[in-house]
Amino acid sequence: MKRKFVASVLAALFILMLTAPPVLLAKVDVPQIMNVQKNLKAMDYDCKCTGMMDKQTTEAIQLFQKDHGLTPTGELTPETAKAIDKAWDERVKKAEQEAAAPHEHP
């Protein structure tokens, strides 16, 4: 009985590997995904740092893409990852400049 179960599970996994979309089989870069999630969250997009390309992350990426003139696919393409990093860097730079600027008191 146990052998039949194991054989069934292995057969199912084999079939899944043959029929799964390539995105499911691709190597996931967890640190990159977490960095993107951290930056999106810091820029006020609804995103948790899970390291997984979950529905919330996909929706946050899609909204970011829409907000920044990219095709809103929700996919973390190299172009999108670069755009998120650039937007975050620009936000940090602006905050640093504002903090360094002299403040006028009325």
Protein backbone atom coordinates (compact mmCIF):
# COMPACT_ATOMS: atom_id res chain seq x y z
CA MET A 1 0.00 0.00 0.00
CA LYS A 2 2.78 2.44 0.96
CA ARG A 3 4.69 1.68 -2.26
CA LYS A 4 1.63 2.43 -4.38
CA PHE A 5 1.20 5.76 -2.63
CA VAL A 6 4.86 6.69 -3.13
CA ALA A 7 4.70 5.61 -6.77
CA SER A 8 1.55 7.71 -7.27
CA VAL A 9 3.15 10.78 -5.72
CA LEU A 10 6.28 10.38 -7.84
CA ALA A 11 4.19 9.95 -10.98
CA ALA A 12 2.19 13.07 -10.15
CA LEU A 13 5.38 15.10 -9.58
CA PHE A 14 6.82 13.85 -12.86
CA ILE A 15 3.68 14.86 -14.74
CA LEU A 16 3.71 18.27 -13.02
CA MET A 17 7.32 18.81 -14.10
CA LEU A 18 6.39 18.02 -17.69
CA THR A 19 3.32 20.23 -17.78
CA ALA A 20 4.09 23.10 -15.36
CA PRO A 21 4.64 26.54 -16.84
CA PRO A 22 8.35 27.40 -17.03
CA VAL A 23 7.90 30.13 -14.42
CA LEU A 24 7.10 27.47 -11.82
CA LEU A 25 10.27 25.59 -12.65
CA ALA A 26 12.57 28.61 -12.88
CA LYS A 27 15.08 29.21 -10.15
CA VAL A 28 13.67 31.79 -7.78
CA ASP A 29 16.06 34.49 -6.61
CA VAL A 30 14.73 34.92 -3.07
CA PRO A 31 17.12 37.75 -2.07
CA GLN A 32 16.17 39.75 -5.18
CA ILE A 33 12.46 39.22 -4.56
CA MET A 34 12.85 40.28 -0.91
CA ASN A 35 14.76 43.41 -1.97
CA VAL A 36 12.02 44.31 -4.45
CA GLN A 37 9.34 43.68 -1.82
CA LYS A 38 11.22 45.81 0.74
CA ASN A 39 11.56 48.68 -1.73
CA LEU A 40 7.94 48.47 -2.87
CA LYS A 41 6.73 48.46 0.73
CA ALA A 42 8.96 51.44 1.57
CA MET A 43 7.45 53.29 -1.39
CA ASP A 44 3.96 52.66 0.05
CA TYR A 45 2.92 49.79 -2.20
CA ASP A 46 0.92 47.04 -0.46
CA CYS A 47 3.59 44.37 -0.27
CA LYS A 48 4.98 42.07 2.44
CA CYS A 49 8.57 40.80 2.51
CA THR A 50 8.02 37.07 2.05
CA GLY A 51 10.65 36.24 -0.55
CA MET A 52 7.94 34.64 -2.68
CA MET A 53 6.22 35.91 -5.79
CA ASP A 54 2.79 35.76 -4.22
CA LYS A 55 -0.41 37.44 -5.40
CA GLN A 56 0.19 40.55 -3.28
CA THR A 57 3.70 41.00 -4.70
CA THR A 58 2.49 40.50 -8.26
CA GLU A 59 -0.25 43.10 -7.75
CA ALA A 60 2.21 45.57 -6.19
CA ILE A 61 4.61 45.10 -9.10
CA GLN A 62 1.78 45.56 -11.58
CA LEU A 63 0.71 48.81 -9.90
CA PHE A 64 4.31 50.05 -9.81
CA GLN A 65 4.67 49.24 -13.50
CA LYS A 66 1.47 51.15 -14.28
CA ASP A 67 2.57 54.14 -12.16
CA HIS A 68 5.96 54.28 -13.92
CA GLY A 69 4.92 53.85 -17.55
CA LEU A 70 5.90 50.18 -17.86
CA THR A 71 3.68 47.47 -19.31
CA PRO A 72 1.67 46.31 -16.25
CA THR A 73 2.24 42.54 -16.37
CA GLY A 74 3.00 41.97 -12.70
CA GLU A 75 6.11 40.04 -13.69
CA LEU A 76 9.45 40.84 -12.11
CA THR A 77 11.43 41.41 -15.28
CA PRO A 78 14.99 42.77 -15.20
CA GLU A 79 13.61 46.08 -16.53
CA THR A 80 11.07 46.28 -13.70
CA ALA A 81 13.59 45.31 -11.02
CA LYS A 82 15.92 48.05 -12.31
CA ALA A 83 13.08 50.59 -12.34
CA ILE A 84 12.11 49.74 -8.75
CA ASP A 85 15.72 50.10 -7.60
CA LYS A 86 16.05 53.42 -9.45
CA ALA A 87 12.78 54.78 -8.01
CA TRP A 88 13.88 53.79 -4.50
CA ASP A 89 17.36 55.32 -4.95
CA GLU A 90 15.80 58.57 -6.22
CA ARG A 91 13.46 58.67 -3.23
CA VAL A 92 16.33 58.17 -0.79
CA LYS A 93 18.44 60.83 -2.55
CA LYS A 94 15.57 63.33 -2.43
CA ALA A 95 15.03 62.67 1.30
CA GLU A 96 18.74 63.16 1.97
CA GLN A 97 18.77 66.44 0.05
CA GLU A 98 15.72 67.69 1.92
CA ALA A 99 17.29 66.74 5.25
CA ALA A 100 20.54 68.55 4.36
CA ALA A 101 18.82 71.71 3.11
CA PRO A 102 18.68 74.63 5.53
CA HIS A 103 15.27 75.05 7.07
CA GLU A 104 13.69 78.44 7.29
CA HIS A 105 11.76 79.34 10.40
CA PRO A 106 8.92 81.83 10.15
